Amino acid sequence: MPLYEYECRSCKKVIEALIRSVDETVACEACGTPEMQKLMSVPSSPSVKAKSLPMASSGGDCGAPRCCGGGCSM
């Protein structure tokens, strides 16, 4: 079930709504109007430590399971 952001066209309040079906409508929590505009949202992604990627290595053992001790040229 995707979580979407909507902005009310009347009062400009931004809300998040969990949409369970295509037929579901969203109304503003503040003024009650159904005139909502879906906003573009940035998807979340897990954070990554700099040393967890082989290409972020400073030349030594990067910690990757198949690391040969530096150079990660592939």
Protein backbone atom coordinates (compact mmCIF):
# COMPACT_ATOMS: atom_id res chain seq x y z
CA MET A 1 0.00 0.00 0.00
CA PRO A 2 1.72 3.16 -1.17
CA LEU A 3 1.92 6.32 0.92
CA TYR A 4 1.29 9.48 -1.10
CA GLU A 5 1.58 13.20 -0.36
CA TYR A 6 -1.27 15.51 -1.34
CA GLU A 7 -1.72 19.28 -1.22
CA CYS A 8 -5.16 20.82 -0.71
CA ARG A 9 -6.04 23.19 -3.56
CA SER A 10 -8.14 25.33 -1.19
CA CYS A 11 -6.09 25.78 2.02
CA LYS A 12 -2.67 24.51 0.75
CA LYS A 13 -2.27 22.03 3.65
CA VAL A 14 0.00 19.08 2.78
CA ILE A 15 -1.02 15.64 4.04
CA GLU A 16 0.15 12.05 3.64
CA ALA A 17 -2.42 9.39 2.73
CA LEU A 18 -2.15 5.62 2.63
CA ILE A 19 -4.01 4.54 -0.52
CA ARG A 20 -5.46 1.02 -0.37
CA SER A 21 -7.26 0.93 -3.73
CA VAL A 22 -7.46 2.87 -6.99
CA ASP A 23 -11.01 3.97 -6.24
CA GLU A 24 -10.13 5.56 -2.88
CA THR A 25 -10.46 9.35 -2.69
CA VAL A 26 -8.62 11.73 -0.38
CA ALA A 27 -10.13 14.73 1.40
CA CYS A 28 -8.28 17.52 3.21
CA GLU A 29 -7.92 16.96 6.96
CA ALA A 30 -8.15 20.72 7.62
CA CYS A 31 -11.01 21.99 5.45
CA GLY A 32 -12.64 18.77 4.19
CA THR A 33 -12.51 19.55 0.48
CA PRO A 34 -11.87 16.62 -1.88
CA GLU A 35 -9.89 18.89 -4.24
CA MET A 36 -6.44 17.45 -3.58
CA GLN A 37 -3.38 17.48 -5.82
CA LYS A 38 -0.94 14.56 -5.64
CA LEU A 39 2.63 15.77 -5.05
CA MET A 40 5.85 14.27 -6.34
CA SER A 41 7.63 12.55 -3.46
CA VAL A 42 11.24 11.56 -3.10
CA PRO A 43 11.55 7.86 -2.33
CA SER A 44 13.45 6.95 0.79
CA SER A 45 16.56 4.84 0.59
CA PRO A 46 18.65 3.14 3.23
CA SER A 47 21.74 5.01 4.33
CA VAL A 48 25.09 3.51 3.34
CA LYS A 49 28.36 3.82 5.22
CA ALA A 50 31.21 5.13 3.08
CA LYS A 51 33.45 2.15 3.90
CA SER A 52 30.75 -0.42 3.03
CA LEU A 53 31.31 0.07 -0.71
CA PRO A 54 34.46 -1.34 -2.35
CA MET A 55 34.82 1.75 -4.55
CA ALA A 56 34.98 3.93 -1.41
CA SER A 57 38.15 2.20 -0.28
CA SER A 58 41.29 4.23 0.30
CA GLY A 59 43.48 1.52 -1.20
CA GLY A 60 43.55 -0.98 1.67
CA ASP A 61 41.30 -3.91 2.40
CA CYS A 62 37.79 -2.62 1.66
CA GLY A 63 36.04 -5.33 3.67
CA ALA A 64 34.11 -6.81 0.74
CA PRO A 65 33.92 -10.63 0.87
CA ARG A 66 36.08 -11.07 -2.27
CA CYS A 67 38.51 -8.19 -1.66
CA CYS A 68 42.15 -8.88 -2.53
CA GLY A 69 43.56 -6.03 -0.47
CA GLY A 70 43.22 -2.89 -2.55
CA GLY A 71 42.92 -1.42 -5.98
CA CYS A 72 39.25 -2.34 -6.57
CA SER A 73 39.65 -1.70 -10.28
CA MET A 74 36.62 -3.65 -11.45
